[in-house]
Protein backbone atom coordinates (compact mmCIF):
# COMPACT_ATOMS: atom_id res chain seq x y z
CA UNK A 1 83.85 187.21 93.80
CA UNK A 2 86.99 186.85 95.90
CA UNK A 3 86.52 187.27 99.63
CA UNK A 4 88.42 190.26 101.05
CA UNK A 5 91.02 189.18 103.56
CA UNK A 6 92.48 191.83 105.85
CA UNK A 7 96.18 192.53 105.49
CA UNK A 8 98.25 191.06 108.33
CA UNK A 9 100.04 193.41 110.69
CA UNK A 10 103.15 195.17 109.37
CA UNK A 11 106.61 193.64 109.81
CA UNK A 12 109.90 195.46 109.84
CA UNK A 13 112.02 195.25 106.70
CA UNK A 14 114.78 193.53 108.69
CA UNK A 15 112.36 190.73 109.61
CA UNK A 16 111.44 190.19 105.96
CA UNK A 17 115.11 190.40 104.89
CA UNK A 18 115.94 187.44 107.18
CA UNK A 19 114.00 185.12 104.83
CA UNK A 20 116.24 183.36 102.31
CA UNK A 21 114.15 182.86 99.17
CA UNK A 22 115.71 180.86 96.33
CA UNK A 23 114.73 179.36 93.01
CA UNK A 24 114.76 175.56 93.00
CA UNK A 25 113.96 172.88 90.42
CA UNK A 26 111.73 169.95 91.36
CA UNK A 27 113.67 166.73 90.72
CA UNK A 28 111.21 164.24 92.17
CA UNK A 29 107.71 164.35 93.62
CA UNK A 30 105.63 161.63 95.29
CA UNK A 31 102.60 161.22 97.48
CA UNK A 32 103.31 161.37 101.22
CA UNK A 33 102.70 157.85 102.54
CA UNK A 34 101.08 159.03 105.79
CA UNK A 35 99.13 162.16 104.82
CA UNK A 36 96.05 162.83 102.70
CA UNK A 37 97.05 166.34 101.55
CA UNK A 38 100.86 166.28 101.36
CA UNK A 39 103.27 165.72 98.51
CA UNK A 40 106.98 165.09 99.13
CA UNK A 41 109.28 166.94 96.75
CA UNK A 42 113.01 166.64 96.22
CA UNK A 43 114.28 170.02 94.93
CA UNK A 44 117.67 171.13 93.63
CA UNK A 45 119.28 174.36 94.70
CA UNK A 46 122.67 175.68 93.55
CA UNK A 47 125.64 173.37 92.96
CA UNK A 48 123.58 170.19 93.13
CA UNK A 49 122.40 170.73 96.72
CA UNK A 50 119.05 169.01 97.23
CA UNK A 51 116.34 169.40 99.85
CA UNK A 52 113.21 167.51 100.71
CA UNK A 53 110.07 169.63 101.11
CA UNK A 54 106.58 168.53 102.13
CA UNK A 55 103.80 170.64 100.66
CA UNK A 56 100.01 170.49 100.98
CA UNK A 57 99.43 170.20 97.24
CA UNK A 58 97.86 166.76 96.89
CA UNK A 59 94.58 167.11 95.05
CA UNK A 60 95.78 170.31 93.38
CA UNK A 61 98.74 168.87 91.44
CA UNK A 62 99.68 165.37 90.36
CA UNK A 63 103.27 164.54 91.36
CA UNK A 64 104.37 164.14 87.72
CA UNK A 65 103.12 167.68 86.92
CA UNK A 66 105.72 169.19 89.24
CA UNK A 67 108.86 167.35 88.09
CA UNK A 68 111.14 169.73 86.19
CA UNK A 69 109.27 172.83 87.29
CA UNK A 70 111.01 175.79 88.90
CA UNK A 71 109.62 176.98 92.24
CA UNK A 72 110.42 179.58 94.89
CA UNK A 73 111.53 178.08 98.21
CA UNK A 74 112.12 179.53 101.68
CA UNK A 75 115.40 177.74 102.40
CA UNK A 76 116.24 178.98 105.88
CA UNK A 77 113.29 177.54 107.79
CA UNK A 78 114.18 175.09 110.51
CA UNK A 79 113.57 171.48 109.36
CA UNK A 80 110.22 170.13 110.51
CA UNK A 81 108.84 166.61 110.70
CA UNK A 82 105.53 166.33 108.88
CA UNK A 83 103.87 162.99 109.59
CA UNK A 84 107.17 161.12 109.54
CA UNK A 85 108.85 162.95 106.63
CA UNK A 86 111.31 165.81 107.21
CA UNK A 87 110.56 169.07 105.39
CA UNK A 88 113.61 171.29 104.83
CA UNK A 89 111.92 174.41 103.48
CA UNK A 90 108.64 175.75 102.18
CA UNK A 91 107.27 176.47 98.70
CA UNK A 92 105.60 179.80 97.97
CA UNK A 93 101.97 179.22 96.98
CA UNK A 94 99.13 181.58 96.06
CA UNK A 95 95.82 180.43 97.51
CA UNK A 96 92.67 181.48 95.67
CA UNK A 97 89.23 181.49 97.22
CA UNK A 98 88.05 181.73 100.83
CA UNK A 99 88.64 178.00 101.36
CA UNK A 100 91.85 177.86 99.33
CA UNK A 101 90.01 176.00 96.55
CA UNK A 102 92.84 176.66 94.09
CA UNK A 103 96.54 176.59 94.95
CA UNK A 104 99.03 178.04 92.46
CA UNK A 105 102.76 177.48 92.80
CA UNK A 106 104.85 180.66 92.61
CA UNK A 107 107.87 180.46 90.33
CA UNK A 108 110.05 182.60 88.07
CA UNK A 109 108.48 183.90 84.85
CA UNK A 110 111.48 182.66 82.86
CA UNK A 111 114.11 179.98 83.40
CA UNK A 112 116.87 180.95 85.87
CA UNK A 113 119.68 179.02 87.51
CA UNK A 114 118.67 176.90 90.53
CA UNK A 115 119.80 178.64 93.70
CA UNK A 116 119.17 182.14 92.32
CA UNK A 117 118.28 184.56 95.11
CA UNK A 118 114.77 186.02 95.12
CA UNK A 119 114.47 189.53 96.53
């Protein structure tokens, strides 16, 4: 049985609306050379724009499983160095189980153009 987690405190709609969520396609994926749990993804947004994103998916997905897949990305996060690699966004992930035993990547139900806005 899934452990009940309390809902976080409410946020104003304007705060949520500041997030820029887009569909992206994973072009490349590799193990992070300096981290046990991170994968380094190169994703494509609209018009050939690419970003590098570090995600804690190692052990849940093999890098080759992610190439070609469409994902939802928060694109307006400030870049962040993660153990020597710069991450320029964040993937949306559903975590199942009290210890996040299963991670599921959130993506569109059908194929859409990279860069499509998620609202």
